[in-house]
Structure formats: structure tokens, C-alpha cells
Amino acid sequence: MTTEVHDPELMDYRAEVQSFRDYLKSSKRVMALCGAGLSAASGLPTFRGAGGLWRTHDAISLATPEAFRINPSLVWQFYNYRRHMALNVKPNPAHYALAELAKKRKDFITLTQNVDGLSPRAGHPAEQLFPLHGSLFDVKCSEFFCDYAEGNNFTDPIVPALALPLDESDPTTTEARKAKELDISDAKVLLPELRLDDLPHCPKCKKGLLRPGVVWFGERLPEKTLSTAEDWIIASKKIDLIIVIGTSSTVYPAAGYTDRARVKGARVAVVNMERTEKTTQGMREGDWYFQGDAGVILPDLLKDEIGELTVLE
């Protein structure tokens, strides 16, 4: 004789999942808004890292046009590291689930704040993916009068001079850790000073340095991406659902998309590892909140639409 175990929390969760699935099935216009939490299951280090440092350098201070103008060698080493780390992890089931949903639903778009290139690598249709902050794997000329731009450049390293050790054999890794452990707040790990001639140069104008195609602090978001997303919203008489994944949606203009969707009648579903005041801000009766790993939850939520997800290793 077996005894059934009834877990009220589990039963409530399954009921919420089924409620979401039923509503998605009846929905026509659907959008997703993604943040860093989408890629957490891939094991990708966050942008700022522990303490907001990269090799004892303030990561935020390296993500500006001024930093690139003053020290392009240091900035390119930082972004070379980020490109390398992103290429050495794989898209997780959440990326694949969104990609499959996009393939099955032409009235579904994904707005992503991530620059890691994992959604394109999961096969997400480009015409339904809007990278609001650009991509680590886009490059463009830094010269004002040159319009050269290249997408999906996955060369690692992008130039031979940036073939620097990035694992434990890199002395700057151990130096940075030691400085952190000793709380040497003003310590600076010295990185190799590369010649300008050895950094990526524009093949079109032959003059300017190439730069990462990400949106740096103080820069405008990509106008074409914003306008295309805006056109989709304006063309929607009704938006049925917005799925907010791995972001608190507190940074504008990304935060405004949830409000825009609500104005068009959308219900909101949140998938997040944490439940905080920020992540629950603005939620209403009839919305869904699924707490946990997006790589586990999202394929389950979308199962009726995309079937059993098969992720090739």
C-alpha cells in the first residue's frame, strides 16, 4: 500500500503552470523581456562580477566611450575576456525554449538586454529578436564618419595580440584574487600594454579602431532596434502576454515595455531566481510569478507549445 504525499506548495505551483499554459494557448500577440537571469543557467559570469571588479579594474568604468578613447588596449582586453567567456558556455534550455516558441509563433518577439550572443546561438530567429544593448559579437568602426559594422563575429581572439591567457595560468587572475582577499582597495593588476597597431582595425576606412558593438554607458540604444520594436507594439491592437525573464525591469527604456504591454491589455508572467520588492513591483491580480531557474522553468511553461525540448550537446 502506498501513501500519496500532497504538497500544497507543489500543487499550487502546478496549478499556476497550467493556468499560464491555458492562457498562452489562447494568446495571439506575445512578447518576452529578458535580462541576465536568462543566461544564469549557462554559467556565464555576470557583467560586473563579484564586487564590480574585473582584474581589480572597475568594470563599469571600462564600459564607456571615454575609456576606449583613453585606453583602447585595456578596454579591448576586458571585452576579449567577455567574448571568450561567452563563447565557452552554451545556450541553456531557456534560450532554446524561447527560440522554439519564436519559430512556432510569428506574432512573438523577444526583447533582450543581454549582449552574450547565446540567444542567436540557440537558433532564435533574428527577425524576432531585439538586442536592446547590442552584442559582444558585433563590431563597428569607432571613426565618426565611417559606417562599417559587422555582426556575428565569433573569432576568438578577434586579433592575435589578444590571445592572452584567461584561465588560472593568467597571473592577473591570481593577483586580482589576492588583492580582493587582502582587501587592497587601491591595488591595480597591470595588464599587457598592447600597441594600437595590434588592436582590431577597420577594414573599410583603414584608419579607425574597431570597437565592440555594445551600448556603452552614456550612449543611445540602437535606434533601428528600438523603432522596429516600437512598430510591432504600435501595430498590436492587443498584446495578450509579456513574459519577463531574469530581470527586475527597473532600468529604462526596458522597464517601460511591461507598462506598454499592459496598456495594450497584456497579463504579465515573471520568471526570476529571486522574489524581491523590485522583481514583484507593479504585479497585479491575474499575473504569474515563477521563482527559480529559467533554464528549468521556461521549458516547462512552454511545453504545450514547443513539446519536449531536445538540447544537443
C-alpha atoms as a PDB file:
ATOM      1  CA  MET A   1       0.000   0.000   0.000  1.00  0.00           C
ATOM      2  CA  THR A   2       1.397   3.405  -0.979  1.00  0.00           C
ATOM      3  CA  THR A   3       0.651   6.669   0.694  1.00  0.00           C
ATOM      4  CA  GLU A   4       0.101   9.691  -1.507  1.00  0.00           C
ATOM      5  CA  VAL A   5       2.011  12.775  -0.446  1.00  0.00           C
ATOM      6  CA  HIS A   6       0.198  16.017  -1.093  1.00  0.00           C
ATOM      7  CA  ASP A   7       2.472  19.046  -1.140  1.00  0.00           C
ATOM      8  CA  PRO A   8       0.250  22.148  -1.149  1.00  0.00           C
ATOM      9  CA  GLU A   9       3.045  24.360  -2.498  1.00  0.00           C
ATOM     10  CA  LEU A  10       3.784  21.948  -5.338  1.00  0.00           C
ATOM     11  CA  MET A  11       0.085  21.622  -6.138  1.00  0.00           C
ATOM     12  CA  ASP A  12      -0.284  25.405  -6.194  1.00  0.00           C
ATOM     13  CA  TYR A  13       2.743  25.684  -8.490  1.00  0.00           C
ATOM     14  CA  ARG A  14       1.381  23.089 -10.925  1.00  0.00           C
ATOM     15  CA  ALA A  15      -1.975  24.868 -10.929  1.00  0.00           C
ATOM     16  CA  GLU A  16      -0.238  28.154 -11.774  1.00  0.00           C
ATOM     17  CA  VAL A  17       1.739  26.471 -14.557  1.00  0.00           C
ATOM     18  CA  GLN A  18      -1.421  25.026 -16.068  1.00  0.00           C
ATOM     19  CA  SER A  19      -3.171  28.379 -15.757  1.00  0.00           C
ATOM     20  CA  PHE A  20      -0.308  30.015 -17.650  1.00  0.00           C
ATOM     21  CA  ARG A  21      -0.273  27.306 -20.338  1.00  0.00           C
ATOM     22  CA  ASP A  22      -4.014  27.635 -20.913  1.00  0.00           C
ATOM     23  CA  TYR A  23      -3.748  31.394 -21.249  1.00  0.00           C
ATOM     24  CA  LEU A  24      -0.745  31.179 -23.603  1.00  0.00           C
ATOM     25  CA  LYS A  25      -2.664  28.773 -25.808  1.00  0.00           C
ATOM     26  CA  SER A  26      -5.416  31.365 -26.273  1.00  0.00           C
ATOM     27  CA  SER A  27      -2.980  34.272 -26.733  1.00  0.00           C
ATOM     28  CA  LYS A  28      -2.052  35.726 -30.108  1.00  0.00           C
ATOM     29  CA  ARG A  29       0.387  38.601 -29.595  1.00  0.00           C
ATOM     30  CA  VAL A  30       3.089  37.684 -27.079  1.00  0.00           C
ATOM     31  CA  MET A  31       6.394  39.294 -26.109  1.00  0.00           C
ATOM     32  CA  ALA A  32       9.282  38.421 -23.809  1.00  0.00           C
ATOM     33  CA  LEU A  33      11.639  40.762 -21.978  1.00  0.00           C
ATOM     34  CA  CYS A  34      14.916  39.137 -20.896  1.00  0.00           C
ATOM     35  CA  GLY A  35      17.769  40.054 -18.585  1.00  0.00           C
ATOM     36  CA  ALA A  36      20.885  38.425 -17.143  1.00  0.00           C
ATOM     37  CA  GLY A  37      18.851  35.746 -15.364  1.00  0.00           C
ATOM     38  CA  LEU A  38      18.116  34.127 -18.731  1.00  0.00           C
ATOM     39  CA  SER A  39      21.798  33.198 -19.103  1.00  0.00           C
ATOM     40  CA  ALA A  40      22.462  32.297 -15.454  1.00  0.00           C
ATOM     41  CA  ALA A  41      21.933  28.575 -16.099  1.00  0.00           C
ATOM     42  CA  SER A  42      24.666  28.700 -18.748  1.00  0.00           C
ATOM     43  CA  GLY A  43      27.191  29.566 -16.040  1.00  0.00           C
ATOM     44  CA  LEU A  44      28.135  32.882 -17.585  1.00  0.00           C
ATOM     45  CA  PRO A  45      29.787  35.329 -15.146  1.00  0.00           C
ATOM     46  CA  THR A  46      27.712  38.453 -14.640  1.00  0.00           C
ATOM     47  CA  PHE A  47      28.816  41.690 -16.254  1.00  0.00           C
ATOM     48  CA  ARG A  48      30.068  43.303 -13.085  1.00  0.00           C
ATOM     49  CA  GLY A  49      31.238  40.198 -11.273  1.00  0.00           C
ATOM     50  CA  ALA A  50      31.893  39.975  -7.577  1.00  0.00           C
ATOM     51  CA  GLY A  51      32.466  43.410  -6.170  1.00  0.00           C
ATOM     52  CA  GLY A  52      32.040  45.074  -9.547  1.00  0.00           C
ATOM     53  CA  LEU A  53      35.669  44.403 -10.461  1.00  0.00           C
ATOM     54  CA  TRP A  54      37.479  42.853 -13.386  1.00  0.00           C
ATOM     55  CA  ARG A  55      41.153  42.208 -12.644  1.00  0.00           C
ATOM     56  CA  THR A  56      40.770  44.892  -9.906  1.00  0.00           C
ATOM     57  CA  HIS A  57      39.536  47.374 -12.531  1.00  0.00           C
ATOM     58  CA  ASP A  58      36.082  48.861 -12.138  1.00  0.00           C
ATOM     59  CA  ALA A  59      34.098  47.080 -14.845  1.00  0.00           C
ATOM     60  CA  ILE A  60      31.610  49.920 -15.243  1.00  0.00           C
ATOM     61  CA  SER A  61      34.382  52.437 -15.877  1.00  0.00           C
ATOM     62  CA  LEU A  62      35.627  50.279 -18.780  1.00  0.00           C
ATOM     63  CA  ALA A  63      32.226  50.344 -20.499  1.00  0.00           C
ATOM     64  CA  THR A  64      32.336  53.935 -21.713  1.00  0.00           C
ATOM     65  CA  PRO A  65      33.405  55.744 -24.899  1.00  0.00           C
ATOM     66  CA  GLU A  66      35.840  57.780 -22.787  1.00  0.00           C
ATOM     67  CA  ALA A  67      37.598  54.652 -21.512  1.00  0.00           C
ATOM     68  CA  PHE A  68      38.008  53.373 -25.069  1.00  0.00           C
ATOM     69  CA  ARG A  69      39.395  56.702 -26.237  1.00  0.00           C
ATOM     70  CA  ILE A  70      41.894  56.883 -23.343  1.00  0.00           C
ATOM     71  CA  ASN A  71      42.959  53.225 -23.173  1.00  0.00           C
ATOM     72  CA  PRO A  72      41.617  51.061 -26.025  1.00  0.00           C
ATOM     73  CA  SER A  73      44.108  48.318 -25.136  1.00  0.00           C
ATOM     74  CA  LEU A  74      42.632  47.851 -21.652  1.00  0.00           C
ATOM     75  CA  VAL A  75      39.045  48.052 -22.899  1.00  0.00           C
ATOM     76  CA  TRP A  76      39.678  45.504 -25.646  1.00  0.00           C
ATOM     77  CA  GLN A  77      41.288  43.114 -23.138  1.00  0.00           C
ATOM     78  CA  PHE A  78      38.168  43.415 -20.978  1.00  0.00           C
ATOM     79  CA  TYR A  79      35.846  42.731 -23.904  1.00  0.00           C
ATOM     80  CA  ASN A  80      38.098  40.000 -25.250  1.00  0.00           C
ATOM     81  CA  TYR A  81      37.655  38.307 -21.861  1.00  0.00           C
ATOM     82  CA  ARG A  82      33.871  38.722 -22.027  1.00  0.00           C
ATOM     83  CA  ARG A  83      33.713  37.386 -25.604  1.00  0.00           C
ATOM     84  CA  HIS A  84      35.883  34.423 -24.655  1.00  0.00           C
ATOM     85  CA  MET A  85      33.787  33.570 -21.586  1.00  0.00           C
ATOM     86  CA  ALA A  86      30.533  33.804 -23.574  1.00  0.00           C
ATOM     87  CA  LEU A  87      31.882  31.539 -26.318  1.00  0.00           C
ATOM     88  CA  ASN A  88      32.937  28.957 -23.766  1.00  0.00           C
ATOM     89  CA  VAL A  89      29.463  28.420 -22.380  1.00  0.00           C
ATOM     90  CA  LYS A  90      26.431  27.045 -24.200  1.00  0.00           C
ATOM     91  CA  PRO A  91      22.886  28.311 -24.575  1.00  0.00           C
ATOM     92  CA  ASN A  92      20.719  26.745 -21.884  1.00  0.00           C
ATOM     93  CA  PRO A  93      17.212  25.259 -22.232  1.00  0.00           C
ATOM     94  CA  ALA A  94      15.610  28.669 -21.592  1.00  0.00           C
ATOM     95  CA  HIS A  95      17.321  30.109 -24.705  1.00  0.00           C
ATOM     96  CA  TYR A  96      16.200  27.113 -26.770  1.00  0.00           C
ATOM     97  CA  ALA A  97      12.654  27.277 -25.411  1.00  0.00           C
ATOM     98  CA  LEU A  98      12.259  30.917 -26.469  1.00  0.00           C
ATOM     99  CA  ALA A  99      13.816  30.135 -29.857  1.00  0.00           C
ATOM    100  CA  GLU A 100      11.345  27.293 -30.436  1.00  0.00           C
ATOM    101  CA  LEU A 101       8.409  29.452 -29.391  1.00  0.00           C
ATOM    102  CA  ALA A 102       9.530  32.130 -31.872  1.00  0.00           C
ATOM    103  CA  LYS A 103       9.723  29.563 -34.680  1.00  0.00           C
ATOM    104  CA  LYS A 104       6.186  28.371 -33.968  1.00  0.00           C
ATOM    105  CA  ARG A 105       4.657  31.818 -33.390  1.00  0.00           C
ATOM    106  CA  LYS A 106       5.300  34.633 -35.832  1.00  0.00           C
ATOM    107  CA  ASP A 107       3.459  37.053 -33.533  1.00  0.00           C
ATOM    108  CA  PHE A 108       6.024  36.562 -30.765  1.00  0.00           C
ATOM    109  CA  ILE A 109       9.049  38.818 -30.184  1.00  0.00           C
ATOM    110  CA  THR A 110      11.863  38.767 -27.638  1.00  0.00           C
ATOM    111  CA  LEU A 111      13.465  41.936 -26.304  1.00  0.00           C
ATOM    112  CA  THR A 112      16.766  41.127 -24.616  1.00  0.00           C
ATOM    113  CA  GLN A 113      19.120  43.238 -22.523  1.00  0.00           C
ATOM    114  CA  ASN A 114      21.803  40.539 -22.828  1.00  0.00           C
ATOM    115  CA  VAL A 115      24.849  41.007 -25.047  1.00  0.00           C
ATOM    116  CA  ASP A 116      26.209  37.455 -24.719  1.00  0.00           C
ATOM    117  CA  GLY A 117      25.054  36.128 -28.102  1.00  0.00           C
ATOM    118  CA  LEU A 118      23.507  32.995 -26.570  1.00  0.00           C
ATOM    119  CA  SER A 119      20.023  33.551 -27.987  1.00  0.00           C
ATOM    120  CA  PRO A 120      21.252  33.695 -31.624  1.00  0.00           C
ATOM    121  CA  ARG A 121      23.381  30.606 -30.992  1.00  0.00           C
ATOM    122  CA  ALA A 122      20.233  28.817 -29.773  1.00  0.00           C
ATOM    123  CA  GLY A 123      18.675  29.474 -33.177  1.00  0.00           C
ATOM    124  CA  HIS A 124      16.336  32.297 -32.186  1.00  0.00           C
ATOM    125  CA  PRO A 125      15.054  33.850 -35.438  1.00  0.00           C
ATOM    126  CA  ALA A 126      16.874  37.159 -35.893  1.00  0.00           C
ATOM    127  CA  GLU A 127      13.757  39.000 -37.105  1.00  0.00           C
ATOM    128  CA  GLN A 128      12.019  38.203 -33.803  1.00  0.00           C
ATOM    129  CA  LEU A 129      14.955  39.032 -31.523  1.00  0.00           C
ATOM    130  CA  PHE A 130      15.679  42.601 -30.421  1.00  0.00           C
ATOM    131  CA  PRO A 131      19.042  43.057 -28.618  1.00  0.00           C
ATOM    132  CA  LEU A 132      18.469  46.340 -26.828  1.00  0.00           C
ATOM    133  CA  HIS A 133      22.085  46.688 -25.660  1.00  0.00           C
ATOM    134  CA  GLY A 134      23.838  45.363 -28.760  1.00  0.00           C
ATOM    135  CA  SER A 135      26.087  42.308 -28.827  1.00  0.00           C
ATOM    136  CA  LEU A 136      29.620  41.366 -27.830  1.00  0.00           C
ATOM    137  CA  PHE A 137      29.922  39.729 -31.229  1.00  0.00           C
ATOM    138  CA  ASP A 138      29.038  42.773 -33.276  1.00  0.00           C
ATOM    139  CA  VAL A 139      31.907  45.115 -34.071  1.00  0.00           C
ATOM    140  CA  LYS A 140      31.905  48.545 -35.651  1.00  0.00           C
ATOM    141  CA  CYS A 141      34.341  51.281 -36.580  1.00  0.00           C
ATOM    142  CA  SER A 142      34.968  53.904 -33.923  1.00  0.00           C
ATOM    143  CA  GLU A 143      35.626  56.636 -36.519  1.00  0.00           C
ATOM    144  CA  PHE A 144      32.731  59.100 -36.588  1.00  0.00           C
ATOM    145  CA  PHE A 145      32.489  59.275 -40.384  1.00  0.00           C
ATOM    146  CA  CYS A 146      32.874  55.536 -41.023  1.00  0.00           C
ATOM    147  CA  ASP A 147      29.768  53.330 -41.074  1.00  0.00           C
ATOM    148  CA  TYR A 148      31.487  49.939 -41.078  1.00  0.00           C
ATOM    149  CA  ALA A 149      29.700  47.354 -38.919  1.00  0.00           C
ATOM    150  CA  GLU A 150      29.866  43.580 -38.792  1.00  0.00           C
ATOM    151  CA  GLY A 151      27.553  41.190 -36.984  1.00  0.00           C
ATOM    152  CA  ASN A 152      28.185  37.738 -35.528  1.00  0.00           C
ATOM    153  CA  ASN A 153      31.970  37.935 -35.436  1.00  0.00           C
ATOM    154  CA  PHE A 154      32.777  34.910 -33.271  1.00  0.00           C
ATOM    155  CA  THR A 155      36.544  34.919 -33.873  1.00  0.00           C
ATOM    156  CA  ASP A 156      38.317  34.219 -30.578  1.00  0.00           C
ATOM    157  CA  PRO A 157      40.515  36.140 -30.097  1.00  0.00           C
ATOM    158  CA  ILE A 158      39.417  38.755 -32.578  1.00  0.00           C
ATOM    159  CA  VAL A 159      43.105  39.576 -33.291  1.00  0.00           C
ATOM    160  CA  PRO A 160      46.217  37.521 -32.384  1.00  0.00           C
ATOM    161  CA  ALA A 161      47.533  40.133 -29.922  1.00  0.00           C
ATOM    162  CA  LEU A 162      44.530  39.462 -27.680  1.00  0.00           C
ATOM    163  CA  ALA A 163      45.370  35.757 -27.359  1.00  0.00           C
ATOM    164  CA  LEU A 164      46.109  36.242 -23.677  1.00  0.00           C
ATOM    165  CA  PRO A 165      45.793  33.545 -21.009  1.00  0.00           C
ATOM    166  CA  LEU A 166      42.370  33.742 -19.421  1.00  0.00           C
ATOM    167  CA  ASP A 167      42.425  30.773 -17.086  1.00  0.00           C
ATOM    168  CA  GLU A 168      44.306  30.053 -13.868  1.00  0.00           C
ATOM    169  CA  SER A 169      47.612  30.296 -15.736  1.00  0.00           C
ATOM    170  CA  ASP A 170      46.984  34.013 -16.135  1.00  0.00           C
ATOM    171  CA  PRO A 171      48.921  35.757 -13.351  1.00  0.00           C
ATOM    172  CA  THR A 172      46.444  38.623 -13.324  1.00  0.00           C
ATOM    173  CA  THR A 173      43.755  36.178 -12.187  1.00  0.00           C
ATOM    174  CA  THR A 174      45.648  35.188  -9.050  1.00  0.00           C
ATOM    175  CA  GLU A 175      46.810  38.756  -8.467  1.00  0.00           C
ATOM    176  CA  ALA A 176      43.249  40.014  -8.640  1.00  0.00           C
ATOM    177  CA  ARG A 177      42.022  37.318  -6.261  1.00  0.00           C
ATOM    178  CA  LYS A 178      44.840  38.027  -3.825  1.00  0.00           C
ATOM    179  CA  ALA A 179      44.090  41.754  -3.845  1.00  0.00           C
ATOM    180  CA  LYS A 180      40.416  41.009  -3.185  1.00  0.00           C
ATOM    181  CA  GLU A 181      41.207  38.611  -0.329  1.00  0.00           C
ATOM    182  CA  LEU A 182      43.573  41.120   1.267  1.00  0.00           C
ATOM    183  CA  ASP A 183      41.057  43.907   0.692  1.00  0.00           C
ATOM    184  CA  ILE A 184      43.596  46.047  -1.122  1.00  0.00           C
ATOM    185  CA  SER A 185      41.078  48.503  -2.475  1.00  0.00           C
ATOM    186  CA  ASP A 186      43.572  50.566  -4.446  1.00  0.00           C
ATOM    187  CA  ALA A 187      45.516  47.609  -5.908  1.00  0.00           C
ATOM    188  CA  LYS A 188      45.793  47.564  -9.679  1.00  0.00           C
ATOM    189  CA  VAL A 189      46.573  44.457 -11.672  1.00  0.00           C
ATOM    190  CA  LEU A 190      48.787  45.540 -14.544  1.00  0.00           C
ATOM    191  CA  LEU A 191      47.762  44.106 -17.880  1.00  0.00           C
ATOM    192  CA  PRO A 192      49.921  43.978 -21.007  1.00  0.00           C
ATOM    193  CA  GLU A 193      50.067  47.282 -22.878  1.00  0.00           C
ATOM    194  CA  LEU A 194      49.254  46.405 -26.475  1.00  0.00           C
ATOM    195  CA  ARG A 195      50.291  48.545 -29.423  1.00  0.00           C
ATOM    196  CA  LEU A 196      47.488  50.332 -31.253  1.00  0.00           C
ATOM    197  CA  ASP A 197      48.650  48.653 -34.466  1.00  0.00           C
ATOM    198  CA  ASP A 198      47.919  45.263 -32.892  1.00  0.00           C
ATOM    199  CA  LEU A 199      44.320  46.059 -31.952  1.00  0.00           C
ATOM    200  CA  PRO A 200      41.389  45.370 -34.342  1.00  0.00           C
ATOM    201  CA  HIS A 201      41.303  47.925 -37.172  1.00  0.00           C
ATOM    202  CA  CYS A 202      38.524  48.835 -39.568  1.00  0.00           C
ATOM    203  CA  PRO A 203      38.889  47.042 -42.922  1.00  0.00           C
ATOM    204  CA  LYS A 204      36.878  49.761 -44.662  1.00  0.00           C
ATOM    205  CA  CYS A 205      38.427  53.112 -43.727  1.00  0.00           C
ATOM    206  CA  LYS A 206      41.778  51.560 -42.704  1.00  0.00           C
ATOM    207  CA  LYS A 207      42.043  54.274 -40.067  1.00  0.00           C
ATOM    208  CA  GLY A 208      39.710  53.706 -37.148  1.00  0.00           C
ATOM    209  CA  LEU A 209      39.879  51.071 -34.450  1.00  0.00           C
ATOM    210  CA  LEU A 210      37.073  48.567 -34.329  1.00  0.00           C
ATOM    211  CA  ARG A 211      35.097  48.583 -31.091  1.00  0.00           C
ATOM    212  CA  PRO A 212      32.622  46.147 -29.542  1.00  0.00           C
ATOM    213  CA  GLY A 213      29.079  46.661 -30.801  1.00  0.00           C
ATOM    214  CA  VAL A 214      27.596  47.015 -27.336  1.00  0.00           C
ATOM    215  CA  VAL A 215      25.841  50.038 -25.899  1.00  0.00           C
ATOM    216  CA  TRP A 216      28.222  51.761 -23.503  1.00  0.00           C
ATOM    217  CA  PHE A 217      27.171  53.978 -20.619  1.00  0.00           C
ATOM    218  CA  GLY A 218      26.243  57.388 -21.964  1.00  0.00           C
ATOM    219  CA  GLU A 219      25.315  56.065 -25.419  1.00  0.00           C
ATOM    220  CA  ARG A 220      21.922  55.835 -27.069  1.00  0.00           C
ATOM    221  CA  LEU A 221      20.306  52.455 -27.558  1.00  0.00           C
ATOM    222  CA  PRO A 222      20.241  51.245 -31.190  1.00  0.00           C
ATOM    223  CA  GLU A 223      17.613  53.337 -32.963  1.00  0.00           C
ATOM    224  CA  LYS A 224      16.750  50.721 -35.594  1.00  0.00           C
ATOM    225  CA  THR A 225      16.152  48.069 -32.926  1.00  0.00           C
ATOM    226  CA  LEU A 226      14.008  50.405 -30.852  1.00  0.00           C
ATOM    227  CA  SER A 227      11.972  51.636 -33.800  1.00  0.00           C
ATOM    228  CA  THR A 228      11.306  48.099 -35.068  1.00  0.00           C
ATOM    229  CA  ALA A 229      10.147  47.007 -31.612  1.00  0.00           C
ATOM    230  CA  GLU A 230       8.031  50.160 -31.371  1.00  0.00           C
ATOM    231  CA  ASP A 231       6.434  49.419 -34.753  1.00  0.00           C
ATOM    232  CA  TRP A 232       5.455  45.934 -33.519  1.00  0.00           C
ATOM    233  CA  ILE A 233       3.855  47.381 -30.394  1.00  0.00           C
ATOM    234  CA  ILE A 234       2.010  50.129 -32.278  1.00  0.00           C
ATOM    235  CA  ALA A 235       0.727  47.593 -34.827  1.00  0.00           C
ATOM    236  CA  SER A 236      -0.733  45.490 -31.993  1.00  0.00           C
ATOM    237  CA  LYS A 237      -4.382  46.250 -31.335  1.00  0.00           C
ATOM    238  CA  LYS A 238      -3.918  43.982 -28.317  1.00  0.00           C
ATOM    239  CA  ILE A 239      -0.914  42.378 -26.642  1.00  0.00           C
ATOM    240  CA  ASP A 240      -2.048  39.340 -24.716  1.00  0.00           C
ATOM    241  CA  LEU A 241       1.029  38.454 -22.686  1.00  0.00           C
ATOM    242  CA  ILE A 242       4.510  39.636 -21.713  1.00  0.00           C
ATOM    243  CA  ILE A 243       6.948  37.158 -20.130  1.00  0.00           C
ATOM    244  CA  VAL A 244       9.609  38.906 -18.022  1.00  0.00           C
ATOM    245  CA  ILE A 245      12.637  36.646 -17.551  1.00  0.00           C
ATOM    246  CA  GLY A 246      15.607  37.220 -15.272  1.00  0.00           C
ATOM    247  CA  THR A 247      15.309  40.974 -14.908  1.00  0.00           C
ATOM    248  CA  SER A 248      13.860  43.359 -12.360  1.00  0.00           C
ATOM    249  CA  SER A 249      12.704  45.636 -15.196  1.00  0.00           C
ATOM    250  CA  THR A 250      13.761  48.746 -13.317  1.00  0.00           C
ATOM    251  CA  VAL A 251      16.099  50.217 -15.954  1.00  0.00           C
ATOM    252  CA  TYR A 252      14.530  52.288 -18.709  1.00  0.00           C
ATOM    253  CA  PRO A 253      13.704  52.067 -21.520  1.00  0.00           C
ATOM    254  CA  ALA A 254      13.481  48.283 -20.995  1.00  0.00           C
ATOM    255  CA  ALA A 255      11.306  48.778 -17.906  1.00  0.00           C
ATOM    256  CA  GLY A 256       8.775  50.679 -19.989  1.00  0.00           C
ATOM    257  CA  TYR A 257       7.935  47.681 -22.173  1.00  0.00           C
ATOM    258  CA  THR A 258       5.977  45.972 -19.394  1.00  0.00           C
ATOM    259  CA  ASP A 259       3.910  49.136 -18.959  1.00  0.00           C
ATOM    260  CA  ARG A 260       3.434  49.431 -22.736  1.00  0.00           C
ATOM    261  CA  ALA A 261       2.231  45.832 -22.914  1.00  0.00           C
ATOM    262  CA  ARG A 262      -0.196  46.382 -20.024  1.00  0.00           C
ATOM    263  CA  VAL A 263      -1.715  49.371 -21.798  1.00  0.00           C
ATOM    264  CA  LYS A 264      -2.420  47.005 -24.687  1.00  0.00           C
ATOM    265  CA  GLY A 265      -4.160  44.573 -22.321  1.00  0.00           C
ATOM    266  CA  ALA A 266      -1.322  42.175 -21.506  1.00  0.00           C
ATOM    267  CA  ARG A 267      -1.081  39.952 -18.476  1.00  0.00           C
ATOM    268  CA  VAL A 268       2.412  39.565 -17.012  1.00  0.00           C
ATOM    269  CA  ALA A 269       4.347  36.393 -16.205  1.00  0.00           C
ATOM    270  CA  VAL A 270       7.619  36.757 -14.293  1.00  0.00           C
ATOM    271  CA  VAL A 271      10.370  34.128 -14.160  1.00  0.00           C
ATOM    272  CA  ASN A 272      13.120  35.027 -11.700  1.00  0.00           C
ATOM    273  CA  MET A 273      15.511  33.318  -9.299  1.00  0.00           C
ATOM    274  CA  GLU A 274      14.551  35.742  -6.530  1.00  0.00           C
ATOM    275  CA  ARG A 275      11.349  37.263  -5.273  1.00  0.00           C
ATOM    276  CA  THR A 276      12.110  40.811  -4.197  1.00  0.00           C
ATOM    277  CA  GLU A 277      10.336  44.123  -3.992  1.00  0.00           C
ATOM    278  CA  LYS A 278      11.908  45.109  -7.318  1.00  0.00           C
ATOM    279  CA  THR A 279      11.010  41.918  -9.183  1.00  0.00           C
ATOM    280  CA  THR A 280       7.412  41.978  -7.927  1.00  0.00           C
ATOM    281  CA  GLN A 281       6.918  45.698  -8.456  1.00  0.00           C
ATOM    282  CA  GLY A 282       3.749  46.501 -10.366  1.00  0.00           C
ATOM    283  CA  MET A 283       2.338  42.966 -10.350  1.00  0.00           C
ATOM    284  CA  ARG A 284      -1.429  42.676 -10.406  1.00  0.00           C
ATOM    285  CA  GLU A 285      -4.092  40.070  -9.763  1.00  0.00           C
ATOM    286  CA  GLY A 286      -4.066  37.599 -12.627  1.00  0.00           C
ATOM    287  CA  ASP A 287      -0.296  37.828 -13.181  1.00  0.00           C
ATOM    288  CA  TRP A 288       2.038  34.862 -12.618  1.00  0.00           C
ATOM    289  CA  TYR A 289       5.289  34.688 -10.672  1.00  0.00           C
ATOM    290  CA  PHE A 290       7.511  31.642 -11.139  1.00  0.00           C
ATOM    291  CA  GLN A 291      10.529  31.644  -8.851  1.00  0.00           C
ATOM    292  CA  GLY A 292      13.519  29.549  -9.851  1.00  0.00           C
ATOM    293  CA  ASP A 293      15.976  28.760 -12.631  1.00  0.00           C
ATOM    294  CA  ALA A 294      14.735  29.974 -16.018  1.00  0.00           C
ATOM    295  CA  GLY A 295      16.534  27.049 -17.650  1.00  0.00           C
ATOM    296  CA  VAL A 296      14.199  24.680 -15.775  1.00  0.00           C
ATOM    297  CA  ILE A 297      11.008  26.707 -15.560  1.00  0.00           C
ATOM    298  CA  LEU A 298      10.694  28.147 -19.054  1.00  0.00           C
ATOM    299  CA  PRO A 299      10.764  24.839 -20.994  1.00  0.00           C
ATOM    300  CA  ASP A 300       8.112  23.558 -18.573  1.00  0.00           C
ATOM    301  CA  LEU A 301       5.892  26.615 -19.023  1.00  0.00           C
ATOM    302  CA  LEU A 302       6.128  26.397 -22.819  1.00  0.00           C
ATOM    303  CA  LYS A 303       5.866  22.609 -23.048  1.00  0.00           C
ATOM    304  CA  ASP A 304       2.398  22.569 -24.628  1.00  0.00           C
ATOM    305  CA  GLU A 305       3.635  24.933 -27.346  1.00  0.00           C
ATOM    306  CA  ILE A 306       7.106  23.577 -28.099  1.00  0.00           C
ATOM    307  CA  GLY A 307       6.850  19.951 -26.940  1.00  0.00           C
ATOM    308  CA  GLU A 308       9.674  18.149 -25.175  1.00  0.00           C
ATOM    309  CA  LEU A 309      12.820  20.206 -25.625  1.00  0.00           C
ATOM    310  CA  THR A 310      15.866  18.431 -27.007  1.00  0.00           C
ATOM    311  CA  VAL A 311      19.114  20.311 -26.440  1.00  0.00           C
ATOM    312  CA  LEU A 312      22.050  18.921 -28.391  1.00  0.00           C
ATOM    313  CA  GLU A 313      25.362  18.867 -26.527  1.00  0.00           C
END
